[in-house]
Amino acid sequence: MNTELLQGMIDIVFKGNLLYLSPFLFLLMVILFADRIIGLIYDSISGGTGRGRY
């Protein structure tokens, strides 16, 4: 029964609301990993010398 309840909740959330949740999840992912993305861009522009920032 626990699996059926979980499956029902997943169906309700992602069946009709995935269109609205996708941009929010993408924005959240960008905010969470912005520091790593900026570091990657900086290392690629500076020649990848690897100053040991992390």
PDB file of N, CA and C in Angstrom:
ATOM      1  N   MET A   1       0.821  -1.191   0.000  1.00  0.00           N
ATOM      2  CA  MET A   1       0.000   0.000   0.000  1.00  0.00           C
ATOM      3  C   MET A   1       0.870   1.264   0.000  1.00  0.00           C
ATOM      4  N   ASN A   2       2.010   1.192   0.637  1.00  0.00           N
ATOM      5  CA  ASN A   2       2.891   2.339   0.689  1.00  0.00           C
ATOM      6  C   ASN A   2       3.389   2.716  -0.704  1.00  0.00           C
ATOM      7  N   THR A   3       3.682   1.716  -1.527  1.00  0.00           N
ATOM      8  CA  THR A   3       4.130   1.957  -2.889  1.00  0.00           C
ATOM      9  C   THR A   3       3.018   2.569  -3.732  1.00  0.00           C
ATOM     10  N   GLU A   4       1.796   2.111  -3.526  1.00  0.00           N
ATOM     11  CA  GLU A   4       0.665   2.662  -4.274  1.00  0.00           C
ATOM     12  C   GLU A   4       0.430   4.123  -3.916  1.00  0.00           C
ATOM     13  N   LEU A   5       0.580   4.458  -2.646  1.00  0.00           N
ATOM     14  CA  LEU A   5       0.408   5.839  -2.217  1.00  0.00           C
ATOM     15  C   LEU A   5       1.488   6.737  -2.821  1.00  0.00           C
ATOM     16  N   LEU A   6       2.712   6.259  -2.812  1.00  0.00           N
ATOM     17  CA  LEU A   6       3.805   7.019  -3.410  1.00  0.00           C
ATOM     18  C   LEU A   6       3.606   7.197  -4.910  1.00  0.00           C
ATOM     19  N   GLN A   7       3.196   6.143  -5.575  1.00  0.00           N
ATOM     20  CA  GLN A   7       2.952   6.230  -7.015  1.00  0.00           C
ATOM     21  C   GLN A   7       1.821   7.202  -7.325  1.00  0.00           C
ATOM     22  N   GLY A   8       0.783   7.198  -6.496  1.00  0.00           N
ATOM     23  CA  GLY A   8      -0.317   8.141  -6.681  1.00  0.00           C
ATOM     24  C   GLY A   8       0.115   9.579  -6.508  1.00  0.00           C
ATOM     25  N   MET A   9       0.955   9.831  -5.513  1.00  0.00           N
ATOM     26  CA  MET A   9       1.454  11.190  -5.290  1.00  0.00           C
ATOM     27  C   MET A   9       2.327  11.645  -6.456  1.00  0.00           C
ATOM     28  N   ILE A  10       3.172  10.755  -6.957  1.00  0.00           N
ATOM     29  CA  ILE A  10       4.031  11.098  -8.092  1.00  0.00           C
ATOM     30  C   ILE A  10       3.179  11.399  -9.320  1.00  0.00           C
ATOM     31  N   ASP A  11       2.135  10.600  -9.551  1.00  0.00           N
ATOM     32  CA  ASP A  11       1.258  10.843 -10.699  1.00  0.00           C
ATOM     33  C   ASP A  11       0.560  12.190 -10.593  1.00  0.00           C
ATOM     34  N   ILE A  12       0.099  12.545  -9.393  1.00  0.00           N
ATOM     35  CA  ILE A  12      -0.618  13.810  -9.220  1.00  0.00           C
ATOM     36  C   ILE A  12       0.324  14.994  -9.430  1.00  0.00           C
ATOM     37  N   VAL A  13       1.522  14.917  -8.864  1.00  0.00           N
ATOM     38  CA  VAL A  13       2.440  16.050  -8.938  1.00  0.00           C
ATOM     39  C   VAL A  13       2.985  16.232 -10.347  1.00  0.00           C
ATOM     40  N   PHE A  14       3.446  15.146 -10.967  1.00  0.00           N
ATOM     41  CA  PHE A  14       4.167  15.278 -12.232  1.00  0.00           C
ATOM     42  C   PHE A  14       3.301  15.125 -13.463  1.00  0.00           C
ATOM     43  N   LYS A  15       2.052  14.743 -13.319  1.00  0.00           N
ATOM     44  CA  LYS A  15       1.222  14.559 -14.503  1.00  0.00           C
ATOM     45  C   LYS A  15       0.814  15.905 -15.103  1.00  0.00           C
ATOM     46  N   GLY A  16       0.295  16.791 -14.291  1.00  0.00           N
ATOM     47  CA  GLY A  16      -0.174  18.058 -14.831  1.00  0.00           C
ATOM     48  C   GLY A  16       0.713  19.227 -14.505  1.00  0.00           C
ATOM     49  N   ASN A  17       1.567  19.090 -13.507  1.00  0.00           N
ATOM     50  CA  ASN A  17       2.338  20.228 -13.048  1.00  0.00           C
ATOM     51  C   ASN A  17       3.784  20.223 -13.514  1.00  0.00           C
ATOM     52  N   LEU A  18       4.183  19.249 -14.276  1.00  0.00           N
ATOM     53  CA  LEU A  18       5.574  19.180 -14.702  1.00  0.00           C
ATOM     54  C   LEU A  18       5.926  20.344 -15.615  1.00  0.00           C
ATOM     55  N   LEU A  19       4.967  20.793 -16.399  1.00  0.00           N
ATOM     56  CA  LEU A  19       5.198  21.934 -17.277  1.00  0.00           C
ATOM     57  C   LEU A  19       5.526  23.180 -16.468  1.00  0.00           C
ATOM     58  N   TYR A  20       4.905  23.312 -15.299  1.00  0.00           N
ATOM     59  CA  TYR A  20       5.140  24.477 -14.453  1.00  0.00           C
ATOM     60  C   TYR A  20       6.330  24.274 -13.525  1.00  0.00           C
ATOM     61  N   LEU A  21       6.652  23.048 -13.181  1.00  0.00           N
ATOM     62  CA  LEU A  21       7.755  22.773 -12.267  1.00  0.00           C
ATOM     63  C   LEU A  21       9.111  22.763 -12.958  1.00  0.00           C
ATOM     64  N   SER A  22       9.149  22.462 -14.225  1.00  0.00           N
ATOM     65  CA  SER A  22      10.430  22.344 -14.924  1.00  0.00           C
ATOM     66  C   SER A  22      11.247  23.636 -14.914  1.00  0.00           C
ATOM     67  N   PRO A  23      10.690  24.795 -15.231  1.00  0.00           N
ATOM     68  CA  PRO A  23      11.514  26.015 -15.159  1.00  0.00           C
ATOM     69  C   PRO A  23      11.983  26.321 -13.739  1.00  0.00           C
ATOM     70  N   PHE A  24      11.141  26.053 -12.756  1.00  0.00           N
ATOM     71  CA  PHE A  24      11.529  26.284 -11.366  1.00  0.00           C
ATOM     72  C   PHE A  24      12.670  25.364 -10.958  1.00  0.00           C
ATOM     73  N   LEU A  25      12.600  24.104 -11.338  1.00  0.00           N
ATOM     74  CA  LEU A  25      13.675  23.166 -11.005  1.00  0.00           C
ATOM     75  C   LEU A  25      14.962  23.527 -11.728  1.00  0.00           C
ATOM     76  N   PHE A  26      14.873  23.983 -12.967  1.00  0.00           N
ATOM     77  CA  PHE A  26      16.058  24.402 -13.707  1.00  0.00           C
ATOM     78  C   PHE A  26      16.693  25.626 -13.053  1.00  0.00           C
ATOM     79  N   LEU A  27      15.878  26.594 -12.657  1.00  0.00           N
ATOM     80  CA  LEU A  27      16.393  27.781 -11.991  1.00  0.00           C
ATOM     81  C   LEU A  27      17.039  27.422 -10.654  1.00  0.00           C
ATOM     82  N   LEU A  28      16.442  26.521  -9.913  1.00  0.00           N
ATOM     83  CA  LEU A  28      17.013  26.072  -8.651  1.00  0.00           C
ATOM     84  C   LEU A  28      18.352  25.381  -8.866  1.00  0.00           C
ATOM     85  N   MET A  29      18.448  24.577  -9.905  1.00  0.00           N
ATOM     86  CA  MET A  29      19.699  23.895 -10.216  1.00  0.00           C
ATOM     87  C   MET A  29      20.785  24.902 -10.593  1.00  0.00           C
ATOM     88  N   VAL A  30      20.435  25.920 -11.371  1.00  0.00           N
ATOM     89  CA  VAL A  30      21.417  26.936 -11.758  1.00  0.00           C
ATOM     90  C   VAL A  30      21.894  27.698 -10.534  1.00  0.00           C
ATOM     91  N   ILE A  31      21.002  28.027  -9.624  1.00  0.00           N
ATOM     92  CA  ILE A  31      21.392  28.746  -8.416  1.00  0.00           C
ATOM     93  C   ILE A  31      22.295  27.892  -7.544  1.00  0.00           C
ATOM     94  N   LEU A  32      21.988  26.619  -7.419  1.00  0.00           N
ATOM     95  CA  LEU A  32      22.783  25.738  -6.568  1.00  0.00           C
ATOM     96  C   LEU A  32      24.190  25.527  -7.099  1.00  0.00           C
ATOM     97  N   PHE A  33      24.331  25.431  -8.410  1.00  0.00           N
ATOM     98  CA  PHE A  33      25.623  25.119  -9.000  1.00  0.00           C
ATOM     99  C   PHE A  33      26.282  26.325  -9.676  1.00  0.00           C
ATOM    100  N   ALA A  34      25.825  27.542  -9.374  1.00  0.00           N
ATOM    101  CA  ALA A  34      26.376  28.735 -10.020  1.00  0.00           C
ATOM    102  C   ALA A  34      27.855  28.911  -9.698  1.00  0.00           C
ATOM    103  N   ASP A  35      28.251  28.615  -8.484  1.00  0.00           N
ATOM    104  CA  ASP A  35      29.650  28.778  -8.098  1.00  0.00           C
ATOM    105  C   ASP A  35      30.548  27.863  -8.913  1.00  0.00           C
ATOM    106  N   ARG A  36      30.145  26.632  -9.096  1.00  0.00           N
ATOM    107  CA  ARG A  36      30.941  25.683  -9.884  1.00  0.00           C
ATOM    108  C   ARG A  36      30.967  26.065 -11.359  1.00  0.00           C
ATOM    109  N   ILE A  37      29.839  26.572 -11.867  1.00  0.00           N
ATOM    110  CA  ILE A  37      29.774  26.968 -13.274  1.00  0.00           C
ATOM    111  C   ILE A  37      30.695  28.161 -13.516  1.00  0.00           C
ATOM    112  N   ILE A  38      30.680  29.145 -12.605  1.00  0.00           N
ATOM    113  CA  ILE A  38      31.551  30.309 -12.749  1.00  0.00           C
ATOM    114  C   ILE A  38      33.013  29.895 -12.665  1.00  0.00           C
ATOM    115  N   GLY A  39      33.334  28.983 -11.749  1.00  0.00           N
ATOM    116  CA  GLY A  39      34.710  28.487 -11.639  1.00  0.00           C
ATOM    117  C   GLY A  39      35.161  27.756 -12.885  1.00  0.00           C
ATOM    118  N   LEU A  40      34.266  26.984 -13.472  1.00  0.00           N
ATOM    119  CA  LEU A  40      34.592  26.264 -14.699  1.00  0.00           C
ATOM    120  C   LEU A  40      34.840  27.228 -15.852  1.00  0.00           C
ATOM    121  N   ILE A  41      34.007  28.251 -15.977  1.00  0.00           N
ATOM    122  CA  ILE A  41      34.192  29.245 -17.034  1.00  0.00           C
ATOM    123  C   ILE A  41      35.484  30.015 -16.812  1.00  0.00           C
ATOM    124  N   TYR A  42      35.759  30.390 -15.573  1.00  0.00           N
ATOM    125  CA  TYR A  42      36.978  31.140 -15.267  1.00  0.00           C
ATOM    126  C   TYR A  42      38.219  30.313 -15.587  1.00  0.00           C
ATOM    127  N   ASP A  43      38.210  29.037 -15.219  1.00  0.00           N
ATOM    128  CA  ASP A  43      39.363  28.177 -15.499  1.00  0.00           C
ATOM    129  C   ASP A  43      39.566  27.970 -16.993  1.00  0.00           C
ATOM    130  N   SER A  44      38.470  27.855 -17.733  1.00  0.00           N
ATOM    131  CA  SER A  44      38.616  27.640 -19.173  1.00  0.00           C
ATOM    132  C   SER A  44      39.105  28.903 -19.880  1.00  0.00           C
ATOM    133  N   ILE A  45      38.709  30.066 -19.380  1.00  0.00           N
ATOM    134  CA  ILE A  45      39.165  31.315 -20.007  1.00  0.00           C
ATOM    135  C   ILE A  45      40.608  31.610 -19.642  1.00  0.00           C
ATOM    136  N   SER A  46      40.995  31.352 -18.401  1.00  0.00           N
ATOM    137  CA  SER A  46      42.342  31.700 -17.951  1.00  0.00           C
ATOM    138  C   SER A  46      43.378  30.692 -18.412  1.00  0.00           C
ATOM    139  N   GLY A  47      43.007  29.707 -19.133  1.00  0.00           N
ATOM    140  CA  GLY A  47      43.969  28.746 -19.667  1.00  0.00           C
ATOM    141  C   GLY A  47      44.037  27.468 -18.866  1.00  0.00           C
ATOM    142  N   GLY A  48      43.229  27.338 -17.850  1.00  0.00           N
ATOM    143  CA  GLY A  48      43.183  26.104 -17.086  1.00  0.00           C
ATOM    144  C   GLY A  48      44.439  25.843 -16.280  1.00  0.00           C
ATOM    145  N   THR A  49      45.035  26.873 -15.734  1.00  0.00           N
ATOM    146  CA  THR A  49      46.255  26.659 -14.945  1.00  0.00           C
ATOM    147  C   THR A  49      45.943  25.980 -13.626  1.00  0.00           C
ATOM    148  N   GLY A  50      44.714  26.109 -13.147  1.00  0.00           N
ATOM    149  CA  GLY A  50      44.315  25.417 -11.938  1.00  0.00           C
ATOM    150  C   GLY A  50      44.982  25.961 -10.698  1.00  0.00           C
ATOM    151  N   ARG A  51      44.525  27.092 -10.234  1.00  0.00           N
ATOM    152  CA  ARG A  51      45.123  27.722  -9.066  1.00  0.00           C
ATOM    153  C   ARG A  51      44.794  26.994  -7.774  1.00  0.00           C
ATOM    154  N   GLY A  52      43.951  25.985  -7.832  1.00  0.00           N
ATOM    155  CA  GLY A  52      43.563  25.288  -6.618  1.00  0.00           C
ATOM    156  C   GLY A  52      42.513  26.041  -5.829  1.00  0.00           C
ATOM    157  N   ARG A  53      41.564  26.571  -6.559  1.00  0.00           N
ATOM    158  CA  ARG A  53      40.535  27.371  -5.931  1.00  0.00           C
ATOM    159  C   ARG A  53      39.628  26.535  -5.044  1.00  0.00           C
ATOM    160  N   TYR A  54      39.429  25.280  -5.369  1.00  0.00           N
ATOM    161  CA  TYR A  54      38.530  24.433  -4.571  1.00  0.00           C
ATOM    162  C   TYR A  54      39.333  23.402  -3.836  1.00  0.00           C
TER     163      TYR A  54
END
